């Protein structure tokens, strides 16, 4: 298989992962997968919603998350690997996870009950841990 076919196949796999993330809970607005530098590889917003961030703001937001994960690598030996980042703002919750240098980035309605938010976090954390073992 040539590189272009592998890249297309990988992109389709990542798109499917985004779709699965969106189906975890009705309150998830956006699911994206970024590379280690914060560039969007794939992303999907729930249909019918308007983005809260402009293209430039989103690009900067993704870069911030990638830099947090990259900077925290310096502390992994002392405190362990960072499993996720959670930001809560007035309008939306933002959660990002890292696995194999890919950042899984989600925005979730702020109105979500904390129990449901915890279920999403636990589900994704467990999935990423389990897929790392296989």
C-alpha atoms as a PDB file:
ATOM      1  CA  UNK A   1       0.000   0.000   0.000  1.00  0.00           C
ATOM      2  CA  UNK A   2       1.447   3.390  -0.914  1.00  0.00           C
ATOM      3  CA  UNK A   3       1.752   6.366   1.463  1.00  0.00           C
ATOM      4  CA  UNK A   4      -1.254   8.247   0.031  1.00  0.00           C
ATOM      5  CA  UNK A   5      -3.515   5.241   0.527  1.00  0.00           C
ATOM      6  CA  UNK A   6      -2.224   4.741   4.086  1.00  0.00           C
ATOM      7  CA  UNK A   7      -2.796   8.427   4.856  1.00  0.00           C
ATOM      8  CA  UNK A   8      -6.342   8.284   3.476  1.00  0.00           C
ATOM      9  CA  UNK A   9      -7.069   5.114   5.407  1.00  0.00           C
ATOM     10  CA  UNK A  10      -5.719   6.671   8.626  1.00  0.00           C
ATOM     11  CA  UNK A  11      -7.787   9.817   8.077  1.00  0.00           C
ATOM     12  CA  UNK A  12     -10.922   7.696   7.659  1.00  0.00           C
ATOM     13  CA  UNK A  13     -10.113   5.867  10.905  1.00  0.00           C
ATOM     14  CA  UNK A  14      -9.710   9.193  12.719  1.00  0.00           C
ATOM     15  CA  UNK A  15     -12.997  10.492  11.250  1.00  0.00           C
ATOM     16  CA  UNK A  16     -14.726   7.401  12.589  1.00  0.00           C
ATOM     17  CA  UNK A  17     -13.198   8.042  16.030  1.00  0.00           C
ATOM     18  CA  UNK A  18     -14.571  11.615  15.954  1.00  0.00           C
ATOM     19  CA  UNK A  19     -18.018  10.304  15.052  1.00  0.00           C
ATOM     20  CA  UNK A  20     -17.877   7.849  17.964  1.00  0.00           C
ATOM     21  CA  UNK A  21     -16.851  10.621  20.351  1.00  0.00           C
ATOM     22  CA  UNK A  22     -19.803  12.743  19.248  1.00  0.00           C
ATOM     23  CA  UNK A  23     -22.194   9.893  20.029  1.00  0.00           C
ATOM     24  CA  UNK A  24     -21.005   9.510  23.643  1.00  0.00           C
ATOM     25  CA  UNK A  25     -23.387  12.213  24.837  1.00  0.00           C
ATOM     26  CA  UNK A  26     -25.884  14.643  23.279  1.00  0.00           C
ATOM     27  CA  UNK A  27     -24.143  17.564  25.005  1.00  0.00           C
ATOM     28  CA  UNK A  28     -20.891  17.105  23.038  1.00  0.00           C
ATOM     29  CA  UNK A  29     -20.668  19.951  20.528  1.00  0.00           C
ATOM     30  CA  UNK A  30     -17.389  19.200  18.753  1.00  0.00           C
ATOM     31  CA  UNK A  31     -14.872  16.393  18.575  1.00  0.00           C
ATOM     32  CA  UNK A  32     -11.506  16.783  16.901  1.00  0.00           C
ATOM     33  CA  UNK A  33      -8.194  14.989  16.705  1.00  0.00           C
ATOM     34  CA  UNK A  34      -5.060  17.113  16.535  1.00  0.00           C
ATOM     35  CA  UNK A  35      -1.427  16.335  15.953  1.00  0.00           C
ATOM     36  CA  UNK A  36       1.223  17.058  18.594  1.00  0.00           C
ATOM     37  CA  UNK A  37       1.564  20.642  17.269  1.00  0.00           C
ATOM     38  CA  UNK A  38      -2.150  21.422  17.520  1.00  0.00           C
ATOM     39  CA  UNK A  39      -2.984  21.092  13.824  1.00  0.00           C
ATOM     40  CA  UNK A  40      -6.391  19.612  13.126  1.00  0.00           C
ATOM     41  CA  UNK A  41      -6.222  16.196  11.492  1.00  0.00           C
ATOM     42  CA  UNK A  42      -9.993  15.673  11.604  1.00  0.00           C
ATOM     43  CA  UNK A  43     -12.844  17.379  13.373  1.00  0.00           C
ATOM     44  CA  UNK A  44     -16.610  17.347  13.384  1.00  0.00           C
ATOM     45  CA  UNK A  45     -19.189  19.605  14.933  1.00  0.00           C
ATOM     46  CA  UNK A  46     -22.621  18.364  15.895  1.00  0.00           C
ATOM     47  CA  UNK A  47     -24.992  19.320  13.110  1.00  0.00           C
ATOM     48  CA  UNK A  48     -27.043  22.480  13.524  1.00  0.00           C
ATOM     49  CA  UNK A  49     -24.587  24.223  15.853  1.00  0.00           C
ATOM     50  CA  UNK A  50     -22.669  27.420  15.225  1.00  0.00           C
ATOM     51  CA  UNK A  51     -18.970  27.420  16.203  1.00  0.00           C
ATOM     52  CA  UNK A  52     -18.141  29.561  19.224  1.00  0.00           C
ATOM     53  CA  UNK A  53     -14.596  30.280  18.003  1.00  0.00           C
ATOM     54  CA  UNK A  54     -13.416  31.834  14.760  1.00  0.00           C
ATOM     55  CA  UNK A  55     -11.002  29.834  12.618  1.00  0.00           C
ATOM     56  CA  UNK A  56      -8.041  31.784  14.044  1.00  0.00           C
ATOM     57  CA  UNK A  57      -9.252  31.432  17.635  1.00  0.00           C
ATOM     58  CA  UNK A  58      -9.727  27.678  17.170  1.00  0.00           C
ATOM     59  CA  UNK A  59      -6.240  27.297  15.682  1.00  0.00           C
ATOM     60  CA  UNK A  60      -4.763  29.172  18.658  1.00  0.00           C
ATOM     61  CA  UNK A  61      -6.857  27.149  21.132  1.00  0.00           C
ATOM     62  CA  UNK A  62      -5.628  23.872  19.646  1.00  0.00           C
ATOM     63  CA  UNK A  63      -2.036  25.093  19.770  1.00  0.00           C
ATOM     64  CA  UNK A  64      -2.445  25.981  23.467  1.00  0.00           C
ATOM     65  CA  UNK A  65      -3.626  22.458  24.283  1.00  0.00           C
ATOM     66  CA  UNK A  66      -0.742  20.902  22.370  1.00  0.00           C
ATOM     67  CA  UNK A  67       1.756  23.114  24.191  1.00  0.00           C
ATOM     68  CA  UNK A  68       0.304  22.235  27.607  1.00  0.00           C
ATOM     69  CA  UNK A  69       0.708  18.530  26.879  1.00  0.00           C
ATOM     70  CA  UNK A  70       4.204  19.060  25.469  1.00  0.00           C
ATOM     71  CA  UNK A  71       5.353  21.166  28.427  1.00  0.00           C
ATOM     72  CA  UNK A  72       3.971  18.673  30.942  1.00  0.00           C
ATOM     73  CA  UNK A  73       6.136  15.919  29.444  1.00  0.00           C
ATOM     74  CA  UNK A  74       8.973  17.399  31.525  1.00  0.00           C
ATOM     75  CA  UNK A  75       7.150  16.306  34.709  1.00  0.00           C
ATOM     76  CA  UNK A  76       6.043  12.818  33.673  1.00  0.00           C
ATOM     77  CA  UNK A  77       8.790  11.077  35.621  1.00  0.00           C
ATOM     78  CA  UNK A  78       7.769  12.934  38.790  1.00  0.00           C
ATOM     79  CA  UNK A  79       3.968  12.995  38.633  1.00  0.00           C
ATOM     80  CA  UNK A  80       3.030  10.662  35.786  1.00  0.00           C
ATOM     81  CA  UNK A  81       1.567  11.325  32.376  1.00  0.00           C
ATOM     82  CA  UNK A  82      -1.220  13.883  32.049  1.00  0.00           C
ATOM     83  CA  UNK A  83      -4.421  12.031  31.182  1.00  0.00           C
ATOM     84  CA  UNK A  84      -6.634  14.984  30.282  1.00  0.00           C
ATOM     85  CA  UNK A  85      -7.057  18.737  30.498  1.00  0.00           C
ATOM     86  CA  UNK A  86     -10.399  20.253  31.495  1.00  0.00           C
ATOM     87  CA  UNK A  87     -11.299  23.910  31.059  1.00  0.00           C
ATOM     88  CA  UNK A  88     -14.679  25.153  32.200  1.00  0.00           C
ATOM     89  CA  UNK A  89     -15.832  28.472  30.825  1.00  0.00           C
ATOM     90  CA  UNK A  90     -19.176  30.266  30.981  1.00  0.00           C
ATOM     91  CA  UNK A  91     -20.389  28.809  27.701  1.00  0.00           C
ATOM     92  CA  UNK A  92     -18.628  25.490  27.233  1.00  0.00           C
ATOM     93  CA  UNK A  93     -16.474  22.794  28.795  1.00  0.00           C
ATOM     94  CA  UNK A  94     -13.321  21.925  26.891  1.00  0.00           C
ATOM     95  CA  UNK A  95     -11.623  18.584  27.456  1.00  0.00           C
ATOM     96  CA  UNK A  96      -8.543  17.251  25.722  1.00  0.00           C
ATOM     97  CA  UNK A  97      -6.813  13.888  26.035  1.00  0.00           C
ATOM     98  CA  UNK A  98      -3.527  12.687  24.587  1.00  0.00           C
ATOM     99  CA  UNK A  99      -2.547   9.310  23.216  1.00  0.00           C
ATOM    100  CA  UNK A 100       0.338   8.417  20.898  1.00  0.00           C
ATOM    101  CA  UNK A 101       1.038  12.100  20.196  1.00  0.00           C
ATOM    102  CA  UNK A 102      -2.575  12.662  19.106  1.00  0.00           C
ATOM    103  CA  UNK A 103      -4.758  15.091  21.024  1.00  0.00           C
ATOM    104  CA  UNK A 104      -8.458  14.289  21.301  1.00  0.00           C
ATOM    105  CA  UNK A 105     -10.263  17.607  21.768  1.00  0.00           C
ATOM    106  CA  UNK A 106     -13.923  17.978  22.748  1.00  0.00           C
ATOM    107  CA  UNK A 107     -16.227  20.850  23.524  1.00  0.00           C
ATOM    108  CA  UNK A 108     -19.245  20.058  25.666  1.00  0.00           C
ATOM    109  CA  UNK A 109     -22.245  22.176  26.598  1.00  0.00           C
ATOM    110  CA  UNK A 110     -21.721  23.901  29.942  1.00  0.00           C
ATOM    111  CA  UNK A 111     -25.200  22.795  31.038  1.00  0.00           C
ATOM    112  CA  UNK A 112     -24.136  19.146  31.233  1.00  0.00           C
ATOM    113  CA  UNK A 113     -24.623  17.639  34.701  1.00  0.00           C
ATOM    114  CA  UNK A 114     -21.289  16.920  36.403  1.00  0.00           C
ATOM    115  CA  UNK A 115     -22.104  13.196  36.605  1.00  0.00           C
ATOM    116  CA  UNK A 116     -22.485  13.019  32.807  1.00  0.00           C
ATOM    117  CA  UNK A 117     -19.280  14.996  32.321  1.00  0.00           C
ATOM    118  CA  UNK A 118     -17.454  12.549  34.595  1.00  0.00           C
ATOM    119  CA  UNK A 119     -18.903   9.626  32.618  1.00  0.00           C
ATOM    120  CA  UNK A 120     -17.562  11.100  29.367  1.00  0.00           C
ATOM    121  CA  UNK A 121     -14.124  11.663  30.895  1.00  0.00           C
ATOM    122  CA  UNK A 122     -14.014   8.169  32.390  1.00  0.00           C
ATOM    123  CA  UNK A 123     -15.219   6.554  29.167  1.00  0.00           C
ATOM    124  CA  UNK A 124     -12.602   8.254  27.006  1.00  0.00           C
ATOM    125  CA  UNK A 125      -9.795   7.791  29.538  1.00  0.00           C
ATOM    126  CA  UNK A 126     -10.587   4.085  29.808  1.00  0.00           C
ATOM    127  CA  UNK A 127     -10.843   3.693  26.015  1.00  0.00           C
ATOM    128  CA  UNK A 128      -7.471   5.382  25.475  1.00  0.00           C
ATOM    129  CA  UNK A 129      -5.827   3.328  28.224  1.00  0.00           C
ATOM    130  CA  UNK A 130      -7.272   0.111  26.842  1.00  0.00           C
ATOM    131  CA  UNK A 131      -6.240   0.875  23.262  1.00  0.00           C
ATOM    132  CA  UNK A 132      -2.714   1.597  24.488  1.00  0.00           C
ATOM    133  CA  UNK A 133      -2.538  -1.931  25.894  1.00  0.00           C
ATOM    134  CA  UNK A 134      -3.515  -3.582  22.643  1.00  0.00           C
END
